[in-house]
Amino acid sequence: MIEQYLSALIIIFLPTRLANKVFGRTMSPIKAALASFISISLLVLAISPLTMGIWMGFITYIPCLIFIFLVDIYKAKTKVPADNENEDIQ
């Protein structure tokens, strides 16, 4: 069971990073995290019935997506603005 979640986390990591990067160009970090969570969730739930069934896909991938979403929200809330770093140097 643990290896199933670890492999799902590895599989989900790259698409969420790519979606977060794409959405982050036009949205705030929190909105980009939410948009990437929703889009990748829909993608996973569309593909999983073809391979393992929708319920197993939901049980396996959604907790991993929620974990990555919470990490993205935490990183967005604790991010220090870059303007403060430049003021200290000059």
Protein backbone atom coordinates (compact mmCIF):
# COMPACT_ATOMS: atom_id res chain seq x y z
CA MET A 1 0.00 0.00 0.00
CA ILE A 2 2.80 2.44 0.85
CA GLU A 3 4.63 1.73 -2.39
CA GLN A 4 1.40 2.43 -4.28
CA TYR A 5 1.17 5.90 -2.75
CA LEU A 6 4.87 6.59 -3.29
CA SER A 7 4.66 5.63 -6.94
CA ALA A 8 1.50 7.73 -7.33
CA LEU A 9 3.30 10.68 -5.73
CA ILE A 10 6.19 10.29 -8.15
CA ILE A 11 3.84 9.99 -11.13
CA ILE A 12 1.80 13.04 -10.09
CA PHE A 13 4.77 15.26 -9.20
CA LEU A 14 5.87 16.23 -12.72
CA PRO A 15 2.44 17.07 -14.17
CA THR A 16 1.57 19.21 -11.15
CA ARG A 17 4.88 21.08 -11.40
CA LEU A 18 4.31 21.73 -15.09
CA ALA A 19 0.71 22.85 -14.56
CA ASN A 20 1.72 25.03 -11.63
CA LYS A 21 4.43 26.66 -13.75
CA VAL A 22 2.01 27.31 -16.64
CA PHE A 23 -0.77 28.68 -14.44
CA GLY A 24 1.74 30.64 -12.36
CA ARG A 25 2.54 32.87 -15.30
CA THR A 26 -0.87 34.53 -15.21
CA MET A 27 -2.18 33.84 -11.69
CA SER A 28 -1.13 34.32 -8.10
CA PRO A 29 0.70 31.33 -6.56
CA ILE A 30 -2.33 30.20 -4.55
CA LYS A 31 -4.69 30.38 -7.53
CA ALA A 32 -2.09 28.59 -9.68
CA ALA A 33 -1.85 25.81 -7.09
CA LEU A 34 -5.63 25.45 -7.05
CA ALA A 35 -5.87 25.46 -10.85
CA SER A 36 -3.13 22.84 -11.19
CA PHE A 37 -4.80 20.70 -8.50
CA ILE A 38 -8.15 20.81 -10.29
CA SER A 39 -6.76 20.24 -13.78
CA ILE A 40 -4.52 17.32 -12.81
CA SER A 41 -7.33 15.81 -10.70
CA LEU A 42 -9.65 15.87 -13.70
CA LEU A 43 -6.94 14.36 -15.88
CA VAL A 44 -6.24 11.57 -13.40
CA LEU A 45 -9.91 10.80 -12.91
CA ALA A 46 -10.39 10.70 -16.68
CA ILE A 47 -7.48 8.29 -17.26
CA SER A 48 -7.74 6.04 -14.19
CA PRO A 49 -10.96 4.22 -15.27
CA LEU A 50 -9.03 2.91 -18.26
CA THR A 51 -6.29 1.37 -16.14
CA MET A 52 -7.38 0.67 -12.56
CA GLY A 53 -10.94 1.82 -12.12
CA ILE A 54 -12.24 5.19 -11.04
CA TRP A 55 -12.54 4.34 -7.36
CA MET A 56 -8.95 3.01 -7.07
CA GLY A 57 -7.72 6.02 -9.03
CA PHE A 58 -9.56 8.32 -6.65
CA ILE A 59 -8.23 6.53 -3.54
CA THR A 60 -4.67 6.40 -4.87
CA TYR A 61 -4.07 9.71 -6.63
CA ILE A 62 -6.28 12.26 -4.88
CA PRO A 63 -4.46 12.02 -1.49
CA CYS A 64 -1.16 12.58 -3.31
CA LEU A 65 -2.63 15.56 -5.15
CA ILE A 66 -3.96 16.99 -1.88
CA PHE A 67 -0.50 16.62 -0.32
CA ILE A 68 1.19 18.44 -3.21
CA PHE A 69 -1.55 21.11 -3.14
CA LEU A 70 -0.96 21.73 0.58
CA VAL A 71 2.80 21.98 0.03
CA ASP A 72 2.22 24.52 -2.77
CA ILE A 73 -0.09 26.59 -0.53
CA TYR A 74 2.46 26.48 2.30
CA LYS A 75 5.26 27.58 -0.03
CA ALA A 76 3.11 30.41 -1.41
CA LYS A 77 2.21 31.68 2.06
CA THR A 78 5.77 31.57 3.42
CA LYS A 79 7.49 33.00 0.33
CA VAL A 80 9.52 36.12 1.07
CA PRO A 81 9.17 38.89 -1.55
CA ALA A 82 12.25 39.36 -3.71
CA ASP A 83 12.16 43.16 -3.22
CA ASN A 84 13.50 42.89 0.32
CA GLU A 85 16.58 41.02 -0.84
CA ASN A 86 17.48 43.71 -3.39
CA GLU A 87 17.15 46.53 -0.84
CA ASP A 88 19.60 44.87 1.52
CA ILE A 89 22.26 44.54 -1.17
CA GLN A 90 22.12 48.13 -2.37
